[in-house]
Amino acid sequence: MKCTSYFFNVISNKTRWKIILSLYEKDRYVKEICEDVKEEQSKVSHNLKILYDCSFVFYKKKGTKKTYYLNKKTVKPLLDIVQKHMSAFCKKECKKRC
């Protein structure tokens, strides 16, 4: 449980969270992620490296391009659980903050 705080620290960063949500929708190239999250390529690449190092995301390489995707074994199901929790238990006041 000692590393749990680092786990939550990684996903609490706004840019990394936007990247995670972007990849939740579909696999993407870096350029597509940049366009979707409206951030510069250097910032997205830096944050993808952190997400990759923590196994939140992986990539497939085709030539010089990398297609990034969410960890489908753990991260995607975790996001599904969070969504179910929010739908069932978050009150109106909590939802206003989203």
C-alpha atoms as a PDB file:
ATOM      1  CA  MET A   1       0.000   0.000   0.000  1.00  0.00           C
ATOM      2  CA  LYS A   2       3.029   2.278   0.322  1.00  0.00           C
ATOM      3  CA  CYS A   3       3.051   3.035  -3.424  1.00  0.00           C
ATOM      4  CA  THR A   4      -0.681   3.743  -3.546  1.00  0.00           C
ATOM      5  CA  SER A   5      -0.118   7.451  -3.020  1.00  0.00           C
ATOM      6  CA  TYR A   6       2.213   7.557  -6.035  1.00  0.00           C
ATOM      7  CA  PHE A   7      -0.458   5.790  -8.109  1.00  0.00           C
ATOM      8  CA  PHE A   8      -2.994   8.495  -7.265  1.00  0.00           C
ATOM      9  CA  ASN A   9      -0.400  11.223  -7.719  1.00  0.00           C
ATOM     10  CA  VAL A  10       0.204  10.028 -11.279  1.00  0.00           C
ATOM     11  CA  ILE A  11      -3.468  10.205 -12.241  1.00  0.00           C
ATOM     12  CA  SER A  12      -4.172  13.439 -10.348  1.00  0.00           C
ATOM     13  CA  ASN A  13      -2.163  15.451 -12.878  1.00  0.00           C
ATOM     14  CA  LYS A  14      -4.640  17.196 -15.216  1.00  0.00           C
ATOM     15  CA  THR A  15      -2.662  16.534 -18.385  1.00  0.00           C
ATOM     16  CA  ARG A  16      -2.165  12.857 -17.601  1.00  0.00           C
ATOM     17  CA  TRP A  17      -5.852  12.522 -16.690  1.00  0.00           C
ATOM     18  CA  LYS A  18      -6.860  14.081 -20.020  1.00  0.00           C
ATOM     19  CA  ILE A  19      -4.534  11.641 -21.814  1.00  0.00           C
ATOM     20  CA  ILE A  20      -6.061   8.689 -19.944  1.00  0.00           C
ATOM     21  CA  LEU A  21      -9.574   9.818 -20.871  1.00  0.00           C
ATOM     22  CA  SER A  22      -8.531  10.317 -24.481  1.00  0.00           C
ATOM     23  CA  LEU A  23      -7.119   6.804 -24.645  1.00  0.00           C
ATOM     24  CA  TYR A  24     -10.189   5.412 -22.901  1.00  0.00           C
ATOM     25  CA  GLU A  25     -12.124   6.348 -26.038  1.00  0.00           C
ATOM     26  CA  LYS A  26      -9.666   4.747 -28.490  1.00  0.00           C
ATOM     27  CA  ASP A  27      -6.015   4.000 -29.247  1.00  0.00           C
ATOM     28  CA  ARG A  28      -4.185   7.040 -30.629  1.00  0.00           C
ATOM     29  CA  TYR A  29      -0.947   8.358 -32.073  1.00  0.00           C
ATOM     30  CA  VAL A  30       0.818  11.130 -30.124  1.00  0.00           C
ATOM     31  CA  LYS A  31      -0.363  13.735 -32.639  1.00  0.00           C
ATOM     32  CA  GLU A  32      -3.979  12.622 -32.147  1.00  0.00           C
ATOM     33  CA  ILE A  33      -3.604  12.766 -28.368  1.00  0.00           C
ATOM     34  CA  CYS A  34      -2.172  16.305 -28.629  1.00  0.00           C
ATOM     35  CA  GLU A  35      -5.130  17.412 -30.723  1.00  0.00           C
ATOM     36  CA  ASP A  36      -7.641  15.744 -28.414  1.00  0.00           C
ATOM     37  CA  VAL A  37      -6.232  17.088 -25.140  1.00  0.00           C
ATOM     38  CA  LYS A  38      -5.181  20.430 -26.668  1.00  0.00           C
ATOM     39  CA  GLU A  39      -1.615  20.293 -25.376  1.00  0.00           C
ATOM     40  CA  GLU A  40       1.787  20.617 -27.045  1.00  0.00           C
ATOM     41  CA  GLN A  41       3.587  17.487 -28.207  1.00  0.00           C
ATOM     42  CA  SER A  42       6.484  17.875 -25.755  1.00  0.00           C
ATOM     43  CA  LYS A  43       4.100  18.065 -22.782  1.00  0.00           C
ATOM     44  CA  VAL A  44       2.069  15.080 -23.991  1.00  0.00           C
ATOM     45  CA  SER A  45       5.192  13.003 -24.653  1.00  0.00           C
ATOM     46  CA  HIS A  46       6.596  13.809 -21.212  1.00  0.00           C
ATOM     47  CA  ASN A  47       3.366  12.718 -19.543  1.00  0.00           C
ATOM     48  CA  LEU A  48       2.997   9.624 -21.736  1.00  0.00           C
ATOM     49  CA  LYS A  49       6.458   8.559 -20.525  1.00  0.00           C
ATOM     50  CA  ILE A  50       5.292   8.771 -16.914  1.00  0.00           C
ATOM     51  CA  LEU A  51       2.093   6.864 -17.707  1.00  0.00           C
ATOM     52  CA  TYR A  52       4.111   4.261 -19.622  1.00  0.00           C
ATOM     53  CA  ASP A  53       6.664   3.842 -16.807  1.00  0.00           C
ATOM     54  CA  CYS A  54       3.770   3.128 -14.421  1.00  0.00           C
ATOM     55  CA  SER A  55       2.072   0.764 -16.935  1.00  0.00           C
ATOM     56  CA  PHE A  56      -1.040   2.908 -17.256  1.00  0.00           C
ATOM     57  CA  VAL A  57      -0.454   2.934 -21.005  1.00  0.00           C
ATOM     58  CA  PHE A  58       1.411   0.834 -23.532  1.00  0.00           C
ATOM     59  CA  TYR A  59       2.255   1.358 -27.177  1.00  0.00           C
ATOM     60  CA  LYS A  60       2.566  -0.549 -30.428  1.00  0.00           C
ATOM     61  CA  LYS A  61       5.279   0.632 -32.785  1.00  0.00           C
ATOM     62  CA  LYS A  62       4.752   0.742 -36.561  1.00  0.00           C
ATOM     63  CA  GLY A  63       7.808   2.147 -38.299  1.00  0.00           C
ATOM     64  CA  THR A  64       8.513   5.444 -36.600  1.00  0.00           C
ATOM     65  CA  LYS A  65       4.999   5.888 -35.179  1.00  0.00           C
ATOM     66  CA  LYS A  66       3.721   4.670 -31.826  1.00  0.00           C
ATOM     67  CA  THR A  67       0.077   3.949 -31.169  1.00  0.00           C
ATOM     68  CA  TYR A  68      -0.688   4.389 -27.481  1.00  0.00           C
ATOM     69  CA  TYR A  69      -3.418   2.483 -25.676  1.00  0.00           C
ATOM     70  CA  LEU A  70      -4.653   2.070 -22.111  1.00  0.00           C
ATOM     71  CA  ASN A  71      -3.719  -0.902 -20.016  1.00  0.00           C
ATOM     72  CA  LYS A  72      -6.826  -2.953 -20.794  1.00  0.00           C
ATOM     73  CA  LYS A  73      -6.152  -5.477 -18.039  1.00  0.00           C
ATOM     74  CA  THR A  74      -6.230  -3.061 -15.092  1.00  0.00           C
ATOM     75  CA  VAL A  75      -6.670   0.625 -15.933  1.00  0.00           C
ATOM     76  CA  LYS A  76      -9.693   0.383 -18.223  1.00  0.00           C
ATOM     77  CA  PRO A  77     -11.637  -1.831 -15.740  1.00  0.00           C
ATOM     78  CA  LEU A  78     -10.662   0.538 -12.917  1.00  0.00           C
ATOM     79  CA  LEU A  79     -12.100   3.491 -14.854  1.00  0.00           C
ATOM     80  CA  ASP A  80     -15.279   1.502 -15.452  1.00  0.00           C
ATOM     81  CA  ILE A  81     -15.581   0.880 -11.694  1.00  0.00           C
ATOM     82  CA  VAL A  82     -15.052   4.587 -10.966  1.00  0.00           C
ATOM     83  CA  GLN A  83     -17.804   5.470 -13.447  1.00  0.00           C
ATOM     84  CA  LYS A  84     -20.186   2.944 -11.840  1.00  0.00           C
ATOM     85  CA  HIS A  85     -19.389   4.356  -8.395  1.00  0.00           C
ATOM     86  CA  MET A  86     -20.035   7.914  -9.540  1.00  0.00           C
ATOM     87  CA  SER A  87     -23.323   6.966 -11.189  1.00  0.00           C
ATOM     88  CA  ALA A  88     -24.551   5.113  -8.107  1.00  0.00           C
ATOM     89  CA  PHE A  89     -23.211   7.204  -5.237  1.00  0.00           C
ATOM     90  CA  CYS A  90     -22.161  10.700  -6.230  1.00  0.00           C
ATOM     91  CA  LYS A  91     -24.717  13.259  -5.184  1.00  0.00           C
ATOM     92  CA  LYS A  92     -25.737  16.295  -7.214  1.00  0.00           C
ATOM     93  CA  GLU A  93     -23.169  18.502  -5.442  1.00  0.00           C
ATOM     94  CA  CYS A  94     -20.343  16.128  -6.316  1.00  0.00           C
ATOM     95  CA  LYS A  95     -21.444  15.919  -9.948  1.00  0.00           C
ATOM     96  CA  LYS A  96     -21.509  19.727 -10.235  1.00  0.00           C
ATOM     97  CA  ARG A  97     -17.747  19.766  -9.622  1.00  0.00           C
ATOM     98  CA  CYS A  98     -17.039  17.464 -12.561  1.00  0.00           C
END
